[in-house]
Amino acid sequence: MQFESPIGVWKDSTNPKRVIIIRQVNNNKGSDCIVEFREGGNITSFTGTAGATFTFNNFPGKDDQVVAAKMNMFKRTLTFDDGVVWTKY
């Protein structure tokens, strides 16, 4: 599997030690992503789909669920359904 450069790196507004890195997968679909979730020294990888609303499969703490987040490029944020905002840096 080949990856493009990162779409972005976001940190959790409620816990700055939690970071997600989203990379596009080079598979000609253009919307498939691999996501790295970093918290302290732990790294978890899972898949996602990019669009106006990102969807994440098996997001840590929400296993076996699809989690959605709305992207706001102007504010550089991902806002999850539970109201938690992650900021791009």
Protein backbone atom coordinates (compact mmCIF):
# COMPACT_ATOMS: atom_id res chain seq x y z
CA MET A 1 0.00 0.00 0.00
CA GLN A 2 1.39 3.40 -0.96
CA PHE A 3 0.58 6.63 0.90
CA GLU A 4 0.53 10.26 -0.13
CA SER A 5 1.88 12.97 2.12
CA PRO A 6 -0.32 13.69 5.15
CA ILE A 7 -3.63 15.47 4.65
CA GLY A 8 -3.02 16.89 8.08
CA VAL A 9 -2.14 16.49 11.72
CA TRP A 10 -4.78 17.37 14.31
CA LYS A 11 -4.65 17.58 18.11
CA ASP A 12 -7.53 17.00 20.51
CA SER A 13 -8.72 20.25 22.14
CA THR A 14 -9.54 18.35 25.34
CA ASN A 15 -6.22 16.47 25.53
CA PRO A 16 -3.24 17.88 23.56
CA LYS A 17 -1.34 14.59 23.98
CA ARG A 18 -3.86 12.97 21.62
CA VAL A 19 -2.94 13.47 17.96
CA ILE A 20 -4.29 12.05 14.70
CA ILE A 21 -2.40 12.00 11.42
CA ILE A 22 -4.49 11.41 8.30
CA ARG A 23 -2.81 10.18 5.11
CA GLN A 24 -4.46 9.56 1.78
CA VAL A 25 -4.01 6.08 0.33
CA ASN A 26 -2.80 6.10 -3.27
CA ASN A 27 -5.38 3.71 -4.74
CA ASN A 28 -7.03 5.90 -7.41
CA LYS A 29 -10.20 6.31 -5.32
CA GLY A 30 -8.98 9.54 -3.77
CA SER A 31 -11.10 9.24 -0.63
CA ASP A 32 -9.56 6.32 1.27
CA CYS A 33 -7.30 7.23 4.17
CA ILE A 34 -5.15 5.60 6.80
CA VAL A 35 -5.26 7.27 10.20
CA GLU A 36 -2.61 7.15 12.93
CA PHE A 37 -3.90 7.88 16.43
CA ARG A 38 -1.13 8.82 18.86
CA GLU A 39 -1.59 9.15 22.59
CA GLY A 40 1.58 9.32 24.65
CA GLY A 41 3.83 6.58 23.27
CA ASN A 42 0.99 4.48 21.86
CA ILE A 43 0.17 4.45 18.15
CA THR A 44 -3.01 2.90 16.74
CA SER A 45 -3.78 2.73 13.01
CA PHE A 46 -7.20 2.44 11.40
CA THR A 47 -8.96 3.41 8.21
CA GLY A 48 -11.11 6.35 7.24
CA THR A 49 -12.85 7.99 4.31
CA ALA A 50 -12.30 11.64 3.42
CA GLY A 51 -14.94 14.09 2.30
CA ALA A 52 -16.85 17.04 3.71
CA THR A 53 -17.48 14.64 6.57
CA PHE A 54 -14.65 12.28 7.50
CA THR A 55 -15.65 8.82 8.66
CA PHE A 56 -13.32 6.79 10.83
CA ASN A 57 -13.53 3.02 11.34
CA ASN A 58 -12.64 1.65 14.80
CA PHE A 59 -11.63 5.03 16.31
CA PRO A 60 -9.94 4.33 19.69
CA GLY A 61 -12.49 4.21 22.48
CA LYS A 62 -15.31 3.69 19.97
CA ASP A 63 -14.37 0.23 18.69
CA ASP A 64 -16.63 -1.42 16.13
CA GLN A 65 -18.32 1.90 15.36
CA VAL A 66 -18.05 4.32 12.48
CA VAL A 67 -17.30 7.78 13.86
CA ALA A 68 -17.98 10.93 11.83
CA ALA A 69 -16.30 14.33 12.00
CA LYS A 70 -17.06 17.46 9.98
CA MET A 71 -14.06 19.22 8.49
CA ASN A 72 -13.89 23.01 8.44
CA MET A 73 -10.92 24.06 6.29
CA PHE A 74 -11.38 27.75 7.18
CA LYS A 75 -11.14 27.08 10.93
CA ARG A 76 -8.76 24.13 10.38
CA THR A 77 -10.86 21.86 12.58
CA LEU A 78 -12.47 18.43 12.74
CA THR A 79 -15.62 18.45 14.88
CA PHE A 80 -16.86 15.07 16.03
CA ASP A 81 -20.51 14.18 16.70
CA ASP A 82 -19.88 14.30 20.47
CA GLY A 83 -18.81 17.97 20.14
CA VAL A 84 -15.08 17.43 20.64
CA VAL A 85 -13.01 19.64 18.32
CA TRP A 86 -9.61 18.65 16.95
CA THR A 87 -7.44 21.47 15.56
CA LYS A 88 -5.04 21.13 12.65
CA TYR A 89 -1.46 22.27 13.22
